[in-house]
Structures are given as C-alpha cells and as structure tokens.
Amino acid sequence: MKPVDLILIVVTCCLIFFAARRAVGTWSGKRDCCSGDKKSNAKSFPRVRIADTDESHYPYVADYRIAGMTCDNCAQNVTNALDSVKGTWATVDLGRKVAHVRCTSPLDEDAYRNAVAEAGYRLLGVVE
C-alpha cells in the first residue's frame, strides 16, 4: 500500500466520523440544524397564533435586520420570539434577513432586541 492511499483512507475515515457525529447530534436533539451545539442560553418560544391579522389595527410598523438566521427553523424561532411581545405581530423574510414588525402600541425596540437575543439571534436595527 502506498503512503498516498493510506493518507486518503485516514482522511476519508475522519470525514465519515465527523459527518456521522453531526447527524447523530442533530437527530438526537443535542445539536440544532444551523450552528452546531445548541446554545444553552437560547430560549425556545412557543408559537403564538395571531388572531387579529388586519394590518389596519397595527398603526406602528418597522422592519428590523436580524443576524444569525440560516434556515426556515431560524426564521420561525425569530417570529415566535417577536410575537411573544405583547401587541406584536411579526413576519420574517429569511432571504432578506428582515423581520416586519407590526404593533398596536409604540414600538419597543429594546423589547424586540431582548426577545430575539433570548432566542439566540441578533436584532441589528431598523432597515432604512
């Protein structure tokens, strides 16, 4: 056996090991789909069913840039976090990495920033 063959075998075995470890971690719930190890401080927000989806009832509106989202599950987590703030209805556009937030009372960016941070993401500010 040539040394090159041995190196290729070792590299292939290492790749298989790390791929299997990642897959088992994800399937068992010890890892999330995006960032590897689950963040111990990240909170899972329950899905909030918005009963009133008439946009005219939400006079305060803003779009916020969100960092850290990589998949639909991330976008749903951010939506749930924002919807947990009283009087808020949010929709998240993963492609643009923007949360469209509507509220029945004046917008509280600090409350939104805290909720998004608790979910493990970052609210970067208003989209201009």
N, C-alpha and C. Protein backbone atom coordinates (compact mmCIF):
# COMPACT_ATOMS: atom_id res chain seq x y z
N MET A 1 0.85 -1.18 0.00
CA MET A 1 0.00 0.00 0.00
C MET A 1 0.90 1.24 0.00
N LYS A 2 0.57 2.15 -0.87
CA LYS A 2 1.34 3.38 -0.98
C LYS A 2 0.94 4.35 0.14
N PRO A 3 1.86 5.25 0.52
CA PRO A 3 1.53 6.22 1.57
C PRO A 3 0.36 7.13 1.18
N VAL A 4 0.22 7.45 -0.10
CA VAL A 4 -0.88 8.29 -0.56
C VAL A 4 -2.22 7.60 -0.31
N ASP A 5 -2.27 6.31 -0.56
CA ASP A 5 -3.51 5.55 -0.32
C ASP A 5 -3.86 5.55 1.16
N LEU A 6 -2.87 5.39 2.01
CA LEU A 6 -3.10 5.38 3.45
C LEU A 6 -3.62 6.74 3.92
N ILE A 7 -3.05 7.82 3.40
CA ILE A 7 -3.50 9.17 3.76
C ILE A 7 -4.95 9.38 3.33
N LEU A 8 -5.29 8.95 2.11
CA LEU A 8 -6.66 9.08 1.62
C LEU A 8 -7.65 8.30 2.48
N ILE A 9 -7.26 7.11 2.91
CA ILE A 9 -8.12 6.29 3.76
C ILE A 9 -8.35 6.98 5.10
N VAL A 10 -7.29 7.52 5.71
CA VAL A 10 -7.41 8.19 7.01
C VAL A 10 -8.29 9.43 6.89
N VAL A 11 -8.08 10.23 5.84
CA VAL A 11 -8.88 11.44 5.65
C VAL A 11 -10.34 11.08 5.44
N THR A 12 -10.63 10.08 4.64
CA THR A 12 -12.00 9.64 4.40
C THR A 12 -12.66 9.16 5.69
N CYS A 13 -11.93 8.39 6.48
CA CYS A 13 -12.49 7.92 7.76
C CYS A 13 -12.79 9.08 8.69
N CYS A 14 -11.92 10.08 8.73
CA CYS A 14 -12.16 11.26 9.58
C CYS A 14 -13.42 12.00 9.12
N LEU A 15 -13.58 12.19 7.82
CA LEU A 15 -14.76 12.87 7.30
C LEU A 15 -16.03 12.11 7.63
N ILE A 16 -16.01 10.81 7.49
CA ILE A 16 -17.17 9.98 7.81
C ILE A 16 -17.50 10.09 9.30
N PHE A 17 -16.47 10.07 10.15
CA PHE A 17 -16.68 10.17 11.59
C PHE A 17 -17.36 11.48 11.96
N PHE A 18 -16.84 12.62 11.47
CA PHE A 18 -17.41 13.91 11.83
C PHE A 18 -18.81 14.11 11.24
N ALA A 19 -19.04 13.60 10.04
CA ALA A 19 -20.39 13.70 9.45
C ALA A 19 -21.39 12.88 10.26
N ALA A 20 -21.01 11.69 10.67
CA ALA A 20 -21.89 10.84 11.45
C ALA A 20 -22.16 11.46 12.82
N ARG A 21 -21.12 12.04 13.43
CA ARG A 21 -21.29 12.69 14.73
C ARG A 21 -22.27 13.85 14.64
N ARG A 22 -22.17 14.63 13.60
CA ARG A 22 -23.08 15.77 13.41
C ARG A 22 -24.51 15.28 13.19
N ALA A 23 -24.68 14.25 12.35
CA ALA A 23 -26.01 13.73 12.06
C ALA A 23 -26.67 13.16 13.32
N VAL A 24 -25.93 12.39 14.09
CA VAL A 24 -26.48 11.81 15.32
C VAL A 24 -26.84 12.91 16.31
N GLY A 25 -25.99 13.93 16.43
CA GLY A 25 -26.29 15.05 17.33
C GLY A 25 -27.55 15.79 16.93
N THR A 26 -27.73 16.00 15.64
CA THR A 26 -28.91 16.70 15.16
C THR A 26 -30.17 15.86 15.39
N TRP A 27 -30.10 14.59 15.04
CA TRP A 27 -31.26 13.71 15.21
C TRP A 27 -31.64 13.52 16.67
N SER A 28 -30.64 13.52 17.57
CA SER A 28 -30.92 13.29 18.99
C SER A 28 -31.37 14.56 19.71
N GLY A 29 -31.24 15.72 19.05
CA GLY A 29 -31.64 16.97 19.66
C GLY A 29 -30.54 17.67 20.43
N LYS A 30 -29.32 17.13 20.42
CA LYS A 30 -28.21 17.77 21.12
C LYS A 30 -27.57 18.88 20.30
N ARG A 31 -27.87 18.91 19.03
CA ARG A 31 -27.38 19.96 18.13
C ARG A 31 -28.59 20.53 17.40
N ASP A 32 -28.48 21.82 17.00
CA ASP A 32 -29.55 22.35 16.17
C ASP A 32 -29.13 22.24 14.71
N CYS A 33 -30.01 22.63 13.83
CA CYS A 33 -29.75 22.43 12.40
C CYS A 33 -28.72 23.38 11.85
N CYS A 34 -28.41 24.46 12.56
CA CYS A 34 -27.62 25.53 11.95
C CYS A 34 -26.24 25.70 12.56
N SER A 35 -26.19 25.87 13.85
CA SER A 35 -24.95 26.35 14.45
C SER A 35 -24.17 25.30 15.20
N GLY A 36 -24.52 24.05 15.09
CA GLY A 36 -23.77 23.04 15.82
C GLY A 36 -24.38 22.81 17.18
N ASP A 37 -23.58 22.95 18.23
CA ASP A 37 -24.08 22.73 19.58
C ASP A 37 -25.18 23.72 19.91
N LYS A 38 -26.24 23.22 20.53
CA LYS A 38 -27.34 24.11 20.92
C LYS A 38 -26.82 25.12 21.92
N LYS A 39 -27.25 26.33 21.78
CA LYS A 39 -26.85 27.38 22.71
C LYS A 39 -27.60 27.15 24.01
N SER A 40 -26.86 26.99 25.09
CA SER A 40 -27.51 26.69 26.36
C SER A 40 -28.39 27.83 26.84
N ASN A 41 -28.08 29.06 26.39
CA ASN A 41 -28.86 30.19 26.85
C ASN A 41 -30.00 30.56 25.90
N ALA A 42 -30.11 29.88 24.76
CA ALA A 42 -31.17 30.20 23.80
C ALA A 42 -32.50 29.63 24.29
N LYS A 43 -33.51 30.48 24.26
CA LYS A 43 -34.85 30.10 24.72
C LYS A 43 -35.68 29.68 23.53
N SER A 44 -36.51 28.67 23.73
CA SER A 44 -37.44 28.24 22.70
C SER A 44 -38.80 28.88 23.00
N PHE A 45 -39.23 29.74 22.10
CA PHE A 45 -40.51 30.44 22.28
C PHE A 45 -41.62 29.62 21.65
N PRO A 46 -42.76 29.48 22.33
CA PRO A 46 -43.89 28.77 21.73
C PRO A 46 -44.48 29.59 20.59
N ARG A 47 -45.06 28.90 19.64
CA ARG A 47 -45.70 29.59 18.52
C ARG A 47 -46.96 30.31 19.02
N VAL A 48 -47.07 31.57 18.64
CA VAL A 48 -48.22 32.39 19.05
C VAL A 48 -49.15 32.50 17.85
N ARG A 49 -50.41 32.15 18.06
CA ARG A 49 -51.38 32.29 16.98
C ARG A 49 -51.94 33.71 17.03
N ILE A 50 -51.69 34.46 15.96
CA ILE A 50 -52.16 35.84 15.89
C ILE A 50 -53.61 35.82 15.42
N ALA A 51 -54.52 36.24 16.30
CA ALA A 51 -55.95 36.21 15.97
C ALA A 51 -56.33 37.37 15.05
N ASP A 52 -55.75 38.53 15.28
CA ASP A 52 -56.10 39.73 14.51
C ASP A 52 -55.01 39.99 13.47
N THR A 53 -55.29 39.66 12.23
CA THR A 53 -54.32 39.88 11.16
C THR A 53 -54.74 41.00 10.22
N ASP A 54 -55.53 41.92 10.75
CA ASP A 54 -55.92 43.10 9.98
C ASP A 54 -54.84 44.17 10.21
N GLU A 55 -54.05 44.43 9.18
CA GLU A 55 -52.91 45.34 9.33
C GLU A 55 -53.33 46.74 9.75
N SER A 56 -54.56 47.15 9.47
CA SER A 56 -55.01 48.49 9.86
C SER A 56 -55.11 48.64 11.38
N HIS A 57 -55.14 47.52 12.11
CA HIS A 57 -55.21 47.56 13.56
C HIS A 57 -53.84 47.70 14.20
N TYR A 58 -52.79 47.72 13.37
CA TYR A 58 -51.41 47.83 13.86
C TYR A 58 -50.80 49.12 13.30
N PRO A 59 -50.98 50.25 13.99
CA PRO A 59 -50.52 51.53 13.44
C PRO A 59 -49.00 51.72 13.48
N TYR A 60 -48.30 50.94 14.28
CA TYR A 60 -46.85 51.10 14.39
C TYR A 60 -46.17 49.95 13.66
N VAL A 61 -45.31 50.30 12.71
CA VAL A 61 -44.69 49.29 11.84
C VAL A 61 -43.22 49.63 11.64
N ALA A 62 -42.38 48.59 11.62
CA ALA A 62 -40.96 48.77 11.31
C ALA A 62 -40.39 47.47 10.78
N ASP A 63 -39.33 47.58 10.00
CA ASP A 63 -38.58 46.42 9.53
C ASP A 63 -37.23 46.42 10.24
N TYR A 64 -36.87 45.25 10.81
CA TYR A 64 -35.62 45.12 11.55
C TYR A 64 -34.72 44.08 10.88
N ARG A 65 -33.45 44.40 10.76
CA ARG A 65 -32.47 43.45 10.24
C ARG A 65 -32.12 42.48 11.36
N ILE A 66 -32.12 41.17 11.04
CA ILE A 66 -31.84 40.11 12.01
C ILE A 66 -30.60 39.34 11.56
N ALA A 67 -29.67 39.12 12.47
CA ALA A 67 -28.46 38.35 12.16
C ALA A 67 -28.53 36.97 12.82
N GLY A 68 -27.96 36.00 12.14
CA GLY A 68 -27.85 34.66 12.70
C GLY A 68 -28.83 33.64 12.14
N MET A 69 -29.75 34.06 11.29
CA MET A 69 -30.74 33.13 10.73
C MET A 69 -30.14 32.46 9.49
N THR A 70 -30.29 31.13 9.43
CA THR A 70 -29.78 30.41 8.26
C THR A 70 -30.79 29.46 7.63
N CYS A 71 -31.92 29.24 8.29
CA CYS A 71 -32.90 28.30 7.74
C CYS A 71 -34.32 28.71 8.15
N ASP A 72 -35.30 27.97 7.66
CA ASP A 72 -36.70 28.26 8.00
C ASP A 72 -36.97 28.11 9.49
N ASN A 73 -36.29 27.16 10.14
CA ASN A 73 -36.48 27.00 11.58
C ASN A 73 -36.00 28.24 12.33
N CYS A 74 -34.89 28.81 11.89
CA CYS A 74 -34.39 30.04 12.50
C CYS A 74 -35.41 31.16 12.34
N ALA A 75 -35.94 31.31 11.14
CA ALA A 75 -36.93 32.36 10.88
C ALA A 75 -38.17 32.16 11.76
N GLN A 76 -38.60 30.93 11.93
CA GLN A 76 -39.76 30.66 12.79
C GLN A 76 -39.46 30.98 14.24
N ASN A 77 -38.24 30.67 14.69
CA ASN A 77 -37.85 30.99 16.07
C ASN A 77 -37.87 32.50 16.31
N VAL A 78 -37.38 33.27 15.35
CA VAL A 78 -37.38 34.73 15.48
C VAL A 78 -38.82 35.25 15.47
N THR A 79 -39.65 34.71 14.58
CA THR A 79 -41.06 35.11 14.53
C THR A 79 -41.73 34.85 15.88
N ASN A 80 -41.52 33.67 16.43
CA ASN A 80 -42.12 33.32 17.72
C ASN A 80 -41.64 34.27 18.82
N ALA A 81 -40.35 34.60 18.81
CA ALA A 81 -39.80 35.49 19.83
C ALA A 81 -40.43 36.87 19.73
N LEU A 82 -40.53 37.40 18.52
CA LEU A 82 -41.13 38.72 18.34
C LEU A 82 -42.62 38.72 18.67
N ASP A 83 -43.32 37.67 18.26
CA ASP A 83 -44.76 37.58 18.55
C ASP A 83 -45.04 37.46 20.04
N SER A 84 -44.04 37.07 20.83
CA SER A 84 -44.24 36.94 22.27
C SER A 84 -44.33 38.30 22.96
N VAL A 85 -43.91 39.36 22.28
CA VAL A 85 -44.01 40.70 22.84
C VAL A 85 -45.45 41.16 22.68
N LYS A 86 -46.05 41.61 23.77
CA LYS A 86 -47.48 41.96 23.79
C LYS A 86 -47.84 42.95 22.67
N GLY A 87 -48.92 42.64 21.95
CA GLY A 87 -49.45 43.52 20.91
C GLY A 87 -48.68 43.49 19.60
N THR A 88 -47.78 42.53 19.46
CA THR A 88 -46.91 42.48 18.28
C THR A 88 -47.31 41.34 17.35
N TRP A 89 -47.22 41.62 16.06
CA TRP A 89 -47.41 40.61 15.01
C TRP A 89 -46.22 40.77 14.07
N ALA A 90 -45.43 39.72 13.93
CA ALA A 90 -44.23 39.79 13.11
C ALA A 90 -44.23 38.72 12.02
N THR A 91 -43.63 39.06 10.90
CA THR A 91 -43.35 38.08 9.84
C THR A 91 -41.88 38.26 9.49
N VAL A 92 -41.21 37.15 9.19
CA VAL A 92 -39.78 37.18 8.93
C VAL A 92 -39.51 36.71 7.51
N ASP A 93 -38.70 37.47 6.81
CA ASP A 93 -38.25 37.13 5.46
C ASP A 93 -36.82 36.62 5.58
N LEU A 94 -36.66 35.31 5.48
CA LEU A 94 -35.34 34.69 5.64
C LEU A 94 -34.37 35.15 4.56
N GLY A 95 -34.84 35.25 3.33
CA GLY A 95 -33.97 35.66 2.22
C GLY A 95 -33.36 37.03 2.43
N ARG A 96 -34.15 37.96 2.93
CA ARG A 96 -33.66 39.32 3.17
C ARG A 96 -33.10 39.47 4.58
N LYS A 97 -33.36 38.47 5.45
CA LYS A 97 -32.97 38.51 6.86
C LYS A 97 -33.56 39.74 7.56
N VAL A 98 -34.86 39.91 7.32
CA VAL A 98 -35.59 41.07 7.85
C VAL A 98 -36.87 40.59 8.53
N ALA A 99 -37.16 41.20 9.68
CA ALA A 99 -38.42 40.96 10.38
C ALA A 99 -39.31 42.18 10.19
N HIS A 100 -40.51 41.94 9.67
CA HIS A 100 -41.50 43.01 9.52
C HIS A 100 -42.38 42.95 10.76
N VAL A 101 -42.29 44.00 11.58
CA VAL A 101 -42.96 44.02 12.89
C VAL A 101 -44.07 45.05 12.87
N ARG A 102 -45.26 44.60 13.30
CA ARG A 102 -46.41 45.48 13.44
C ARG A 102 -46.81 45.46 14.92
N CYS A 103 -47.24 46.60 15.44
CA CYS A 103 -47.59 46.64 16.86
C CYS A 103 -48.78 47.56 17.09
N THR A 104 -49.56 47.24 18.11
CA THR A 104 -50.73 48.05 18.45
C THR A 104 -50.36 49.25 19.30
N SER A 105 -49.19 49.23 19.91
CA SER A 105 -48.69 50.35 20.71
C SER A 105 -47.31 50.75 20.16
N PRO A 106 -46.77 51.88 20.60
CA PRO A 106 -45.47 52.29 20.07
C PRO A 106 -44.42 51.17 20.16
N LEU A 107 -43.61 51.08 19.12
CA LEU A 107 -42.61 50.01 19.02
C LEU A 107 -41.59 50.13 20.14
N ASP A 108 -41.26 49.01 20.75
CA ASP A 108 -40.26 48.95 21.81
C ASP A 108 -39.07 48.13 21.30
N GLU A 109 -38.14 48.82 20.65
CA GLU A 109 -37.01 48.12 20.03
C GLU A 109 -36.20 47.33 21.06
N ASP A 110 -36.08 47.83 22.27
CA ASP A 110 -35.34 47.10 23.30
C ASP A 110 -36.02 45.78 23.64
N ALA A 111 -37.34 45.77 23.71
CA ALA A 111 -38.07 44.52 23.99
C ALA A 111 -37.87 43.53 22.85
N TYR A 112 -37.90 44.03 21.62
CA TYR A 112 -37.68 43.15 20.47
C TYR A 112 -36.24 42.63 20.47
N ARG A 113 -35.29 43.50 20.74
CA ARG A 113 -33.88 43.11 20.77
C ARG A 113 -33.66 42.02 21.82
N ASN A 114 -34.26 42.19 23.01
CA ASN A 114 -34.11 41.21 24.08
C ASN A 114 -34.75 39.87 23.72
N ALA A 115 -35.95 39.91 23.15
CA ALA A 115 -36.63 38.67 22.78
C ALA A 115 -35.84 37.91 21.71
N VAL A 116 -35.35 38.64 20.72
CA VAL A 116 -34.56 38.00 19.64
C VAL A 116 -33.26 37.43 20.21
N ALA A 117 -32.63 38.17 21.13
CA ALA A 117 -31.39 37.69 21.75
C ALA A 117 -31.64 36.43 22.59
N GLU A 118 -32.78 36.40 23.30
CA GLU A 118 -33.12 35.20 24.09
C GLU A 118 -33.28 33.98 23.19
N ALA A 119 -33.74 34.20 21.96
CA ALA A 119 -33.91 33.09 21.01
C ALA A 119 -32.58 32.69 20.37
N GLY A 120 -31.52 33.48 20.60
CA GLY A 120 -30.20 33.12 20.09
C GLY A 120 -29.80 33.84 18.81
N TYR A 121 -30.45 34.95 18.49
CA TYR A 121 -30.16 35.72 17.28
C TYR A 121 -29.89 37.17 17.67
N ARG A 122 -29.60 38.01 16.69
CA ARG A 122 -29.31 39.41 16.98
C ARG A 122 -30.18 40.34 16.13
N LEU A 123 -30.81 41.29 16.78
CA LEU A 123 -31.54 42.34 16.07
C LEU A 123 -30.53 43.47 15.85
N LEU A 124 -30.26 43.78 14.59
CA LEU A 124 -29.21 44.74 14.25
C LEU A 124 -29.72 46.17 14.16
N GLY A 125 -31.00 46.36 13.94
CA GLY A 125 -31.55 47.71 13.85
C GLY A 125 -32.58 47.81 12.75
N VAL A 126 -33.10 49.01 12.61
CA VAL A 126 -34.16 49.28 11.64
C VAL A 126 -33.57 49.30 10.23
N VAL A 127 -34.29 48.70 9.29
CA VAL A 127 -33.91 48.74 7.90
C VAL A 127 -34.39 50.08 7.33
N GLU A 128 -33.50 50.79 6.74
CA GLU A 128 -33.85 52.12 6.20
C GLU A 128 -34.27 52.00 4.75
